[in-house]
Amino acid sequence: IHAGTGGVGMAAIHLAQSRGLTVFATCSIKKRQHLKEMFGLKEYQIADSRSDAFVQTILEGTNQRGVDAALNQLSGALQTATLRCMAPGGNFCEIGKYDIMQ
């Protein structure tokens, strides 16, 4: 879940946790503590949203499998990086662009 400390991100984390799902989220470095306190996320579940370093965090946290679903609002190279985090058959939900192909 990208932008985990934003309104949509926090709602998505809450919904995922209420269904028993393991969550990985990105946010700015200065907002990491908020995700730990509010949602009980561990350090390994939180990655930097400002670089593609989140790919390494997610792949390590999933034993190289990737995630089953991604809620994306990043663009350009970071959007492509998110696709590298997907498990086979995973679902990619884009909420940041109205036409992802352009």
PDB file of N, CA and C in Angstrom:
ATOM      1  N   ILE A   1       0.867  -1.167   0.000  1.00  0.00           N
ATOM      2  CA  ILE A   1       0.000   0.000   0.000  1.00  0.00           C
ATOM      3  C   ILE A   1       0.908   1.222   0.000  1.00  0.00           C
ATOM      4  N   HIS A   2       0.917   1.934  -1.117  1.00  0.00           N
ATOM      5  CA  HIS A   2       1.734   3.136  -1.190  1.00  0.00           C
ATOM      6  C   HIS A   2       1.037   4.281  -0.460  1.00  0.00           C
ATOM      7  N   ALA A   3       1.835   5.214   0.018  1.00  0.00           N
ATOM      8  CA  ALA A   3       1.327   6.379   0.763  1.00  0.00           C
ATOM      9  C   ALA A   3       0.469   5.924   1.939  1.00  0.00           C
ATOM     10  N   GLY A   4       1.039   5.033   2.730  1.00  0.00           N
ATOM     11  CA  GLY A   4       0.307   4.427   3.840  1.00  0.00           C
ATOM     12  C   GLY A   4      -0.170   5.400   4.909  1.00  0.00           C
ATOM     13  N   THR A   5       0.400   6.584   4.975  1.00  0.00           N
ATOM     14  CA  THR A   5      -0.040   7.559   5.982  1.00  0.00           C
ATOM     15  C   THR A   5      -1.045   8.557   5.434  1.00  0.00           C
ATOM     16  N   GLY A   6      -1.403   8.431   4.163  1.00  0.00           N
ATOM     17  CA  GLY A   6      -2.458   9.271   3.591  1.00  0.00           C
ATOM     18  C   GLY A   6      -3.823   8.688   3.903  1.00  0.00           C
ATOM     19  N   GLY A   7      -4.857   9.414   3.591  1.00  0.00           N
ATOM     20  CA  GLY A   7      -6.221   8.967   3.890  1.00  0.00           C
ATOM     21  C   GLY A   7      -6.578   7.640   3.248  1.00  0.00           C
ATOM     22  N   VAL A   8      -6.326   7.499   1.946  1.00  0.00           N
ATOM     23  CA  VAL A   8      -6.631   6.245   1.251  1.00  0.00           C
ATOM     24  C   VAL A   8      -5.742   5.125   1.777  1.00  0.00           C
ATOM     25  N   GLY A   9      -4.475   5.431   1.996  1.00  0.00           N
ATOM     26  CA  GLY A   9      -3.546   4.423   2.498  1.00  0.00           C
ATOM     27  C   GLY A   9      -3.940   3.885   3.854  1.00  0.00           C
ATOM     28  N   MET A  10      -4.301   4.783   4.775  1.00  0.00           N
ATOM     29  CA  MET A  10      -4.705   4.331   6.111  1.00  0.00           C
ATOM     30  C   MET A  10      -5.988   3.505   6.047  1.00  0.00           C
ATOM     31  N   ALA A  11      -6.925   3.908   5.200  1.00  0.00           N
ATOM     32  CA  ALA A  11      -8.163   3.130   5.044  1.00  0.00           C
ATOM     33  C   ALA A  11      -7.856   1.750   4.482  1.00  0.00           C
ATOM     34  N   ALA A  12      -6.935   1.687   3.517  1.00  0.00           N
ATOM     35  CA  ALA A  12      -6.571   0.404   2.916  1.00  0.00           C
ATOM     36  C   ALA A  12      -5.870  -0.505   3.924  1.00  0.00           C
ATOM     37  N   ILE A  13      -4.980   0.063   4.725  1.00  0.00           N
ATOM     38  CA  ILE A  13      -4.302  -0.732   5.758  1.00  0.00           C
ATOM     39  C   ILE A  13      -5.332  -1.280   6.742  1.00  0.00           C
ATOM     40  N   HIS A  14      -6.230  -0.434   7.198  1.00  0.00           N
ATOM     41  CA  HIS A  14      -7.259  -0.865   8.143  1.00  0.00           C
ATOM     42  C   HIS A  14      -8.097  -2.003   7.543  1.00  0.00           C
ATOM     43  N   LEU A  15      -8.522  -1.845   6.319  1.00  0.00           N
ATOM     44  CA  LEU A  15      -9.341  -2.860   5.659  1.00  0.00           C
ATOM     45  C   LEU A  15      -8.562  -4.169   5.514  1.00  0.00           C
ATOM     46  N   ALA A  16      -7.322  -4.085   5.068  1.00  0.00           N
ATOM     47  CA  ALA A  16      -6.513  -5.290   4.886  1.00  0.00           C
ATOM     48  C   ALA A  16      -6.290  -6.013   6.216  1.00  0.00           C
ATOM     49  N   GLN A  17      -5.955  -5.248   7.260  1.00  0.00           N
ATOM     50  CA  GLN A  17      -5.730  -5.874   8.563  1.00  0.00           C
ATOM     51  C   GLN A  17      -7.011  -6.473   9.130  1.00  0.00           C
ATOM     52  N   SER A  18      -8.142  -5.852   8.872  1.00  0.00           N
ATOM     53  CA  SER A  18      -9.403  -6.393   9.380  1.00  0.00           C
ATOM     54  C   SER A  18      -9.736  -7.727   8.723  1.00  0.00           C
ATOM     55  N   ARG A  19      -9.109  -8.003   7.600  1.00  0.00           N
ATOM     56  CA  ARG A  19      -9.316  -9.262   6.892  1.00  0.00           C
ATOM     57  C   ARG A  19      -8.169 -10.245   7.150  1.00  0.00           C
ATOM     58  N   GLY A  20      -7.260  -9.871   8.061  1.00  0.00           N
ATOM     59  CA  GLY A  20      -6.177 -10.762   8.439  1.00  0.00           C
ATOM     60  C   GLY A  20      -5.009 -10.806   7.476  1.00  0.00           C
ATOM     61  N   LEU A  21      -4.893  -9.824   6.614  1.00  0.00           N
ATOM     62  CA  LEU A  21      -3.827  -9.809   5.623  1.00  0.00           C
ATOM     63  C   LEU A  21      -2.549  -9.185   6.187  1.00  0.00           C
ATOM     64  N   THR A  22      -1.419  -9.634   5.702  1.00  0.00           N
ATOM     65  CA  THR A  22      -0.140  -9.024   6.038  1.00  0.00           C
ATOM     66  C   THR A  22       0.037  -7.809   5.156  1.00  0.00           C
ATOM     67  N   VAL A  23       0.393  -6.691   5.755  1.00  0.00           N
ATOM     68  CA  VAL A  23       0.485  -5.422   5.035  1.00  0.00           C
ATOM     69  C   VAL A  23       1.934  -4.968   4.934  1.00  0.00           C
ATOM     70  N   PHE A  24       2.291  -4.480   3.761  1.00  0.00           N
ATOM     71  CA  PHE A  24       3.522  -3.741   3.538  1.00  0.00           C
ATOM     72  C   PHE A  24       3.082  -2.370   3.055  1.00  0.00           C
ATOM     73  N   ALA A  25       3.695  -1.330   3.591  1.00  0.00           N
ATOM     74  CA  ALA A  25       3.290   0.027   3.231  1.00  0.00           C
ATOM     75  C   ALA A  25       4.515   0.899   2.997  1.00  0.00           C
ATOM     76  N   THR A  26       4.326   1.919   2.180  1.00  0.00           N
ATOM     77  CA  THR A  26       5.379   2.914   1.989  1.00  0.00           C
ATOM     78  C   THR A  26       4.916   4.245   2.567  1.00  0.00           C
ATOM     79  N   CYS A  27       5.908   5.034   2.947  1.00  0.00           N
ATOM     80  CA  CYS A  27       5.649   6.393   3.423  1.00  0.00           C
ATOM     81  C   CYS A  27       6.984   7.124   3.465  1.00  0.00           C
ATOM     82  N   SER A  28       6.933   8.402   3.774  1.00  0.00           N
ATOM     83  CA  SER A  28       8.186   9.137   3.934  1.00  0.00           C
ATOM     84  C   SER A  28       8.859   8.665   5.220  1.00  0.00           C
ATOM     85  N   ILE A  29      10.147   8.826   5.287  1.00  0.00           N
ATOM     86  CA  ILE A  29      10.916   8.348   6.438  1.00  0.00           C
ATOM     87  C   ILE A  29      10.399   8.942   7.741  1.00  0.00           C
ATOM     88  N   LYS A  30      10.036  10.211   7.729  1.00  0.00           N
ATOM     89  CA  LYS A  30       9.603  10.850   8.975  1.00  0.00           C
ATOM     90  C   LYS A  30       8.223  10.390   9.456  1.00  0.00           C
ATOM     91  N   LYS A  31       7.485   9.629   8.630  1.00  0.00           N
ATOM     92  CA  LYS A  31       6.152   9.165   9.028  1.00  0.00           C
ATOM     93  C   LYS A  31       6.113   7.682   9.395  1.00  0.00           C
ATOM     94  N   ARG A  32       7.260   7.012   9.385  1.00  0.00           N
ATOM     95  CA  ARG A  32       7.315   5.580   9.697  1.00  0.00           C
ATOM     96  C   ARG A  32       6.728   5.270  11.074  1.00  0.00           C
ATOM     97  N   GLN A  33       7.076   6.073  12.048  1.00  0.00           N
ATOM     98  CA  GLN A  33       6.625   5.836  13.417  1.00  0.00           C
ATOM     99  C   GLN A  33       5.105   5.835  13.510  1.00  0.00           C
ATOM    100  N   HIS A  34       4.477   6.672  12.721  1.00  0.00           N
ATOM    101  CA  HIS A  34       3.015   6.739  12.723  1.00  0.00           C
ATOM    102  C   HIS A  34       2.407   5.385  12.320  1.00  0.00           C
ATOM    103  N   LEU A  35       2.969   4.752  11.300  1.00  0.00           N
ATOM    104  CA  LEU A  35       2.453   3.445  10.878  1.00  0.00           C
ATOM    105  C   LEU A  35       2.693   2.376  11.943  1.00  0.00           C
ATOM    106  N   LYS A  36       3.806   2.475  12.636  1.00  0.00           N
ATOM    107  CA  LYS A  36       4.081   1.520  13.714  1.00  0.00           C
ATOM    108  C   LYS A  36       3.087   1.687  14.860  1.00  0.00           C
ATOM    109  N   GLU A  37       2.873   2.918  15.257  1.00  0.00           N
ATOM    110  CA  GLU A  37       1.988   3.179  16.395  1.00  0.00           C
ATOM    111  C   GLU A  37       0.518   2.947  16.061  1.00  0.00           C
ATOM    112  N   MET A  38       0.079   3.406  14.912  1.00  0.00           N
ATOM    113  CA  MET A  38      -1.345   3.333  14.584  1.00  0.00           C
ATOM    114  C   MET A  38      -1.785   1.937  14.155  1.00  0.00           C
ATOM    115  N   PHE A  39      -0.909   1.225  13.423  1.00  0.00           N
ATOM    116  CA  PHE A  39      -1.320  -0.061  12.851  1.00  0.00           C
ATOM    117  C   PHE A  39      -0.485  -1.249  13.330  1.00  0.00           C
ATOM    118  N   GLY A  40       0.505  -0.990  14.156  1.00  0.00           N
ATOM    119  CA  GLY A  40       1.337  -2.073  14.657  1.00  0.00           C
ATOM    120  C   GLY A  40       2.260  -2.680  13.614  1.00  0.00           C
ATOM    121  N   LEU A  41       2.545  -1.944  12.549  1.00  0.00           N
ATOM    122  CA  LEU A  41       3.443  -2.473  11.523  1.00  0.00           C
ATOM    123  C   LEU A  41       4.860  -2.550  12.082  1.00  0.00           C
ATOM    124  N   LYS A  42       5.574  -3.547  11.652  1.00  0.00           N
ATOM    125  CA  LYS A  42       6.968  -3.740  12.047  1.00  0.00           C
ATOM    126  C   LYS A  42       7.868  -3.011  11.056  1.00  0.00           C
ATOM    127  N   GLU A  43       9.099  -2.784  11.462  1.00  0.00           N
ATOM    128  CA  GLU A  43      10.060  -2.074  10.613  1.00  0.00           C
ATOM    129  C   GLU A  43      10.161  -2.701   9.223  1.00  0.00           C
ATOM    130  N   TYR A  44      10.188  -4.037   9.152  1.00  0.00           N
ATOM    131  CA  TYR A  44      10.343  -4.712   7.861  1.00  0.00           C
ATOM    132  C   TYR A  44       9.114  -4.570   6.955  1.00  0.00           C
ATOM    133  N   GLN A  45       8.008  -4.084   7.494  1.00  0.00           N
ATOM    134  CA  GLN A  45       6.793  -3.908   6.703  1.00  0.00           C
ATOM    135  C   GLN A  45       6.648  -2.495   6.151  1.00  0.00           C
ATOM    136  N   ILE A  46       7.575  -1.622   6.464  1.00  0.00           N
ATOM    137  CA  ILE A  46       7.477  -0.221   6.054  1.00  0.00           C
ATOM    138  C   ILE A  46       8.679   0.133   5.191  1.00  0.00           C
ATOM    139  N   ALA A  47       8.425   0.761   4.055  1.00  0.00           N
ATOM    140  CA  ALA A  47       9.501   1.126   3.139  1.00  0.00           C
ATOM    141  C   ALA A  47       9.376   2.593   2.733  1.00  0.00           C
ATOM    142  N   ASP A  48      10.471   3.105   2.229  1.00  0.00           N
ATOM    143  CA  ASP A  48      10.529   4.489   1.768  1.00  0.00           C
ATOM    144  C   ASP A  48       9.747   4.648   0.469  1.00  0.00           C
ATOM    145  N   SER A  49       8.904   5.643   0.423  1.00  0.00           N
ATOM    146  CA  SER A  49       8.093   5.880  -0.776  1.00  0.00           C
ATOM    147  C   SER A  49       8.778   6.803  -1.774  1.00  0.00           C
ATOM    148  N   ARG A  50       9.955   7.302  -1.447  1.00  0.00           N
ATOM    149  CA  ARG A  50      10.624   8.285  -2.298  1.00  0.00           C
ATOM    150  C   ARG A  50      11.665   7.680  -3.241  1.00  0.00           C
ATOM    151  N   SER A  51      11.921   6.382  -3.114  1.00  0.00           N
ATOM    152  CA  SER A  51      12.880   5.716  -3.994  1.00  0.00           C
ATOM    153  C   SER A  51      12.402   4.286  -4.246  1.00  0.00           C
ATOM    154  N   ASP A  52      13.064   3.618  -5.165  1.00  0.00           N
ATOM    155  CA  ASP A  52      12.665   2.234  -5.451  1.00  0.00           C
ATOM    156  C   ASP A  52      13.226   1.229  -4.447  1.00  0.00           C
ATOM    157  N   ALA A  53      13.772   1.719  -3.340  1.00  0.00           N
ATOM    158  CA  ALA A  53      14.271   0.824  -2.288  1.00  0.00           C
ATOM    159  C   ALA A  53      13.156  -0.046  -1.719  1.00  0.00           C
ATOM    160  N   PHE A  54      11.903   0.364  -1.900  1.00  0.00           N
ATOM    161  CA  PHE A  54      10.787  -0.445  -1.386  1.00  0.00           C
ATOM    162  C   PHE A  54      10.737  -1.817  -2.044  1.00  0.00           C
ATOM    163  N   VAL A  55      11.259  -1.940  -3.255  1.00  0.00           N
ATOM    164  CA  VAL A  55      11.249  -3.239  -3.940  1.00  0.00           C
ATOM    165  C   VAL A  55      12.022  -4.255  -3.109  1.00  0.00           C
ATOM    166  N   GLN A  56      13.223  -3.893  -2.696  1.00  0.00           N
ATOM    167  CA  GLN A  56      14.059  -4.781  -1.877  1.00  0.00           C
ATOM    168  C   GLN A  56      13.361  -5.127  -0.568  1.00  0.00           C
ATOM    169  N   THR A  57      12.785  -4.126   0.090  1.00  0.00           N
ATOM    170  CA  THR A  57      12.090  -4.339   1.365  1.00  0.00           C
ATOM    171  C   THR A  57      10.965  -5.356   1.202  1.00  0.00           C
ATOM    172  N   ILE A  58      10.173  -5.185   0.175  1.00  0.00           N
ATOM    173  CA  ILE A  58       9.014  -6.065  -0.035  1.00  0.00           C
ATOM    174  C   ILE A  58       9.456  -7.469  -0.433  1.00  0.00           C
ATOM    175  N   LEU A  59      10.404  -7.566  -1.341  1.00  0.00           N
ATOM    176  CA  LEU A  59      10.848  -8.899  -1.752  1.00  0.00           C
ATOM    177  C   LEU A  59      11.502  -9.646  -0.595  1.00  0.00           C
ATOM    178  N   GLU A  60      12.290  -8.958   0.209  1.00  0.00           N
ATOM    179  CA  GLU A  60      12.877  -9.614   1.379  1.00  0.00           C
ATOM    180  C   GLU A  60      11.794 -10.022   2.376  1.00  0.00           C
ATOM    181  N   GLY A  61      10.797  -9.177   2.569  1.00  0.00           N
ATOM    182  CA  GLY A  61       9.733  -9.457   3.523  1.00  0.00           C
ATOM    183  C   GLY A  61       8.785 -10.559   3.096  1.00  0.00           C
ATOM    184  N   THR A  62       8.814 -10.890   1.803  1.00  0.00           N
ATOM    185  CA  THR A  62       7.940 -11.949   1.279  1.00  0.00           C
ATOM    186  C   THR A  62       8.748 -13.155   0.796  1.00  0.00           C
ATOM    187  N   ASN A  63      10.003 -13.255   1.241  1.00  0.00           N
ATOM    188  CA  ASN A  63      10.881 -14.350   0.804  1.00  0.00           C
ATOM    189  C   ASN A  63      10.969 -14.439  -0.718  1.00  0.00           C
ATOM    190  N   GLN A  64      11.072 -13.272  -1.358  1.00  0.00           N
ATOM    191  CA  GLN A  64      11.215 -13.121  -2.810  1.00  0.00           C
ATOM    192  C   GLN A  64       9.933 -13.444  -3.587  1.00  0.00           C
ATOM    193  N   ARG A  65       8.844 -13.739  -2.921  1.00  0.00           N
ATOM    194  CA  ARG A  65       7.599 -14.088  -3.601  1.00  0.00           C
ATOM    195  C   ARG A  65       6.908 -12.871  -4.197  1.00  0.00           C
ATOM    196  N   GLY A  66       6.915 -11.763  -3.486  1.00  0.00           N
ATOM    197  CA  GLY A  66       6.165 -10.589  -3.910  1.00  0.00           C
ATOM    198  C   GLY A  66       4.800 -10.556  -3.244  1.00  0.00           C
ATOM    199  N   VAL A  67       4.058  -9.522  -3.519  1.00  0.00           N
ATOM    200  CA  VAL A  67       2.746  -9.331  -2.890  1.00  0.00           C
ATOM    201  C   VAL A  67       1.610  -9.779  -3.802  1.00  0.00           C
ATOM    202  N   ASP A  68       0.514 -10.161  -3.185  1.00  0.00           N
ATOM    203  CA  ASP A  68      -0.658 -10.604  -3.947  1.00  0.00           C
ATOM    204  C   ASP A  68      -1.477  -9.438  -4.475  1.00  0.00           C
ATOM    205  N   ALA A  69      -1.337  -8.285  -3.843  1.00  0.00           N
ATOM    206  CA  ALA A  69      -2.082  -7.103  -4.291  1.00  0.00           C
ATOM    207  C   ALA A  69      -1.268  -5.854  -3.982  1.00  0.00           C
ATOM    208  N   ALA A  70      -1.348  -4.882  -4.875  1.00  0.00           N
ATOM    209  CA  ALA A  70      -0.677  -3.598  -4.664  1.00  0.00           C
ATOM    210  C   ALA A  70      -1.666  -2.479  -4.940  1.00  0.00           C
ATOM    211  N   LEU A  71      -1.712  -1.524  -4.043  1.00  0.00           N
ATOM    212  CA  LEU A  71      -2.516  -0.318  -4.227  1.00  0.00           C
ATOM    213  C   LEU A  71      -1.520   0.785  -4.552  1.00  0.00           C
ATOM    214  N   ASN A  72      -1.493   1.189  -5.812  1.00  0.00           N
ATOM    215  CA  ASN A  72      -0.456   2.085  -6.303  1.00  0.00           C
ATOM    216  C   ASN A  72      -0.989   3.474  -6.610  1.00  0.00           C
ATOM    217  N   GLN A  73      -0.182   4.486  -6.249  1.00  0.00           N
ATOM    218  CA  GLN A  73      -0.445   5.844  -6.700  1.00  0.00           C
ATOM    219  C   GLN A  73       0.844   6.553  -7.076  1.00  0.00           C
ATOM    220  N   LEU A  74       1.884   5.741  -7.319  1.00  0.00           N
ATOM    221  CA  LEU A  74       3.153   6.284  -7.774  1.00  0.00           C
ATOM    222  C   LEU A  74       3.164   6.318  -9.298  1.00  0.00           C
ATOM    223  N   SER A  75       4.079   7.109  -9.850  1.00  0.00           N
ATOM    224  CA  SER A  75       4.131   7.214 -11.304  1.00  0.00           C
ATOM    225  C   SER A  75       5.551   6.970 -11.803  1.00  0.00           C
ATOM    226  N   GLY A  76       5.683   6.868 -13.107  1.00  0.00           N
ATOM    227  CA  GLY A  76       6.982   6.722 -13.741  1.00  0.00           C
ATOM    228  C   GLY A  76       7.733   5.484 -13.294  1.00  0.00           C
ATOM    229  N   ALA A  77       9.022   5.686 -12.998  1.00  0.00           N
ATOM    230  CA  ALA A  77       9.887   4.563 -12.619  1.00  0.00           C
ATOM    231  C   ALA A  77       9.417   3.875 -11.340  1.00  0.00           C
ATOM    232  N   LEU A  78       8.808   4.628 -10.424  1.00  0.00           N
ATOM    233  CA  LEU A  78       8.337   4.012  -9.176  1.00  0.00           C
ATOM    234  C   LEU A  78       7.091   3.157  -9.419  1.00  0.00           C
ATOM    235  N   GLN A  79       6.304   3.524 -10.402  1.00  0.00           N
ATOM    236  CA  GLN A  79       5.157   2.692 -10.777  1.00  0.00           C
ATOM    237  C   GLN A  79       5.664   1.360 -11.340  1.00  0.00           C
ATOM    238  N   THR A  80       6.652   1.430 -12.198  1.00  0.00           N
ATOM    239  CA  THR A  80       7.252   0.217 -12.770  1.00  0.00           C
ATOM    240  C   THR A  80       7.903  -0.622 -11.676  1.00  0.00           C
ATOM    241  N   ALA A  81       8.551   0.026 -10.717  1.00  0.00           N
ATOM    242  CA  ALA A  81       9.164  -0.694  -9.602  1.00  0.00           C
ATOM    243  C   ALA A  81       8.111  -1.468  -8.816  1.00  0.00           C
ATOM    244  N   THR A  82       6.935  -0.883  -8.664  1.00  0.00           N
ATOM    245  CA  THR A  82       5.856  -1.572  -7.949  1.00  0.00           C
ATOM    246  C   THR A  82       5.490  -2.875  -8.651  1.00  0.00           C
ATOM    247  N   LEU A  83       5.497  -2.863  -9.959  1.00  0.00           N
ATOM    248  CA  LEU A  83       5.180  -4.081 -10.713  1.00  0.00           C
ATOM    249  C   LEU A  83       6.194  -5.188 -10.435  1.00  0.00           C
ATOM    250  N   ARG A  84       7.438  -4.825 -10.131  1.00  0.00           N
ATOM    251  CA  ARG A  84       8.464  -5.826  -9.797  1.00  0.00           C
ATOM    252  C   ARG A  84       8.199  -6.473  -8.442  1.00  0.00           C
ATOM    253  N   CYS A  85       7.317  -5.901  -7.653  1.00  0.00           N
ATOM    254  CA  CYS A  85       6.982  -6.434  -6.323  1.00  0.00           C
ATOM    255  C   CYS A  85       5.837  -7.433  -6.358  1.00  0.00           C
ATOM    256  N   MET A  86       5.243  -7.629  -7.511  1.00  0.00           N
ATOM    257  CA  MET A  86       4.044  -8.449  -7.598  1.00  0.00           C
ATOM    258  C   MET A  86       4.361  -9.942  -7.636  1.00  0.00           C
ATOM    259  N   ALA A  87       3.611 -10.712  -6.876  1.00  0.00           N
ATOM    260  CA  ALA A  87       3.687 -12.171  -6.937  1.00  0.00           C
ATOM    261  C   ALA A  87       3.011 -12.618  -8.239  1.00  0.00           C
ATOM    262  N   PRO A  88       3.353 -13.802  -8.731  1.00  0.00           N
ATOM    263  CA  PRO A  88       2.655 -14.311  -9.916  1.00  0.00           C
ATOM    264  C   PRO A  88       1.145 -14.325  -9.687  1.00  0.00           C
ATOM    265  N   GLY A  89       0.421 -13.765 -10.622  1.00  0.00           N
ATOM    266  CA  GLY A  89      -1.042 -13.709 -10.518  1.00  0.00           C
ATOM    267  C   GLY A  89      -1.553 -12.624  -9.591  1.00  0.00           C
ATOM    268  N   GLY A  90      -0.644 -11.765  -9.105  1.00  0.00           N
ATOM    269  CA  GLY A  90      -1.046 -10.707  -8.181  1.00  0.00           C
ATOM    270  C   GLY A  90      -1.901  -9.634  -8.857  1.00  0.00           C
ATOM    271  N   ASN A  91      -2.595  -8.871  -8.047  1.00  0.00           N
ATOM    272  CA  ASN A  91      -3.488  -7.818  -8.540  1.00  0.00           C
ATOM    273  C   ASN A  91      -2.872  -6.446  -8.301  1.00  0.00           C
ATOM    274  N   PHE A  92      -2.813  -5.642  -9.355  1.00  0.00           N
ATOM    275  CA  PHE A  92      -2.245  -4.300  -9.304  1.00  0.00           C
ATOM    276  C   PHE A  92      -3.392  -3.313  -9.473  1.00  0.00           C
ATOM    277  N   CYS A  93      -3.617  -2.494  -8.470  1.00  0.00           N
ATOM    278  CA  CYS A  93      -4.705  -1.518  -8.512  1.00  0.00           C
ATOM    279  C   CYS A  93      -4.101  -0.117  -8.568  1.00  0.00           C
ATOM    280  N   GLU A  94      -4.298   0.569  -9.667  1.00  0.00           N
ATOM    281  CA  GLU A  94      -3.774   1.917  -9.861  1.00  0.00           C
ATOM    282  C   GLU A  94      -4.847   2.932  -9.480  1.00  0.00           C
ATOM    283  N   ILE A  95      -4.510   3.824  -8.557  1.00  0.00           N
ATOM    284  CA  ILE A  95      -5.480   4.850  -8.176  1.00  0.00           C
ATOM    285  C   ILE A  95      -4.962   6.261  -8.443  1.00  0.00           C
ATOM    286  N   GLY A  96      -3.766   6.368  -9.016  1.00  0.00           N
ATOM    287  CA  GLY A  96      -3.178   7.685  -9.215  1.00  0.00           C
ATOM    288  C   GLY A  96      -3.335   8.258 -10.600  1.00  0.00           C
ATOM    289  N   LYS A  97      -3.505   7.420 -11.599  1.00  0.00           N
ATOM    290  CA  LYS A  97      -3.602   7.889 -12.987  1.00  0.00           C
ATOM    291  C   LYS A  97      -4.930   7.440 -13.581  1.00  0.00           C
ATOM    292  N   TYR A  98      -5.510   8.305 -14.364  1.00  0.00           N
ATOM    293  CA  TYR A  98      -6.774   7.909 -14.992  1.00  0.00           C
ATOM    294  C   TYR A  98      -6.545   7.023 -16.205  1.00  0.00           C
ATOM    295  N   ASP A  99      -5.383   7.118 -16.852  1.00  0.00           N
ATOM    296  CA  ASP A  99      -5.076   6.263 -17.990  1.00  0.00           C
ATOM    297  C   ASP A  99      -3.648   5.763 -17.847  1.00  0.00           C
ATOM    298  N   ILE A 100      -3.516   4.608 -17.255  1.00  0.00           N
ATOM    299  CA  ILE A 100      -2.198   4.068 -16.914  1.00  0.00           C
ATOM    300  C   ILE A 100      -1.320   3.848 -18.134  1.00  0.00           C
ATOM    301  N   MET A 101      -1.884   3.692 -19.276  1.00  0.00           N
ATOM    302  CA  MET A 101      -1.111   3.411 -20.476  1.00  0.00           C
ATOM    303  C   MET A 101      -0.522   4.655 -21.128  1.00  0.00           C
ATOM    304  N   GLN A 102      -0.791   5.829 -20.605  1.00  0.00           N
ATOM    305  CA  GLN A 102      -0.248   7.053 -21.217  1.00  0.00           C
ATOM    306  C   GLN A 102       0.748   7.711 -20.314  1.00  0.00           C
TER     307      GLN A 102
END
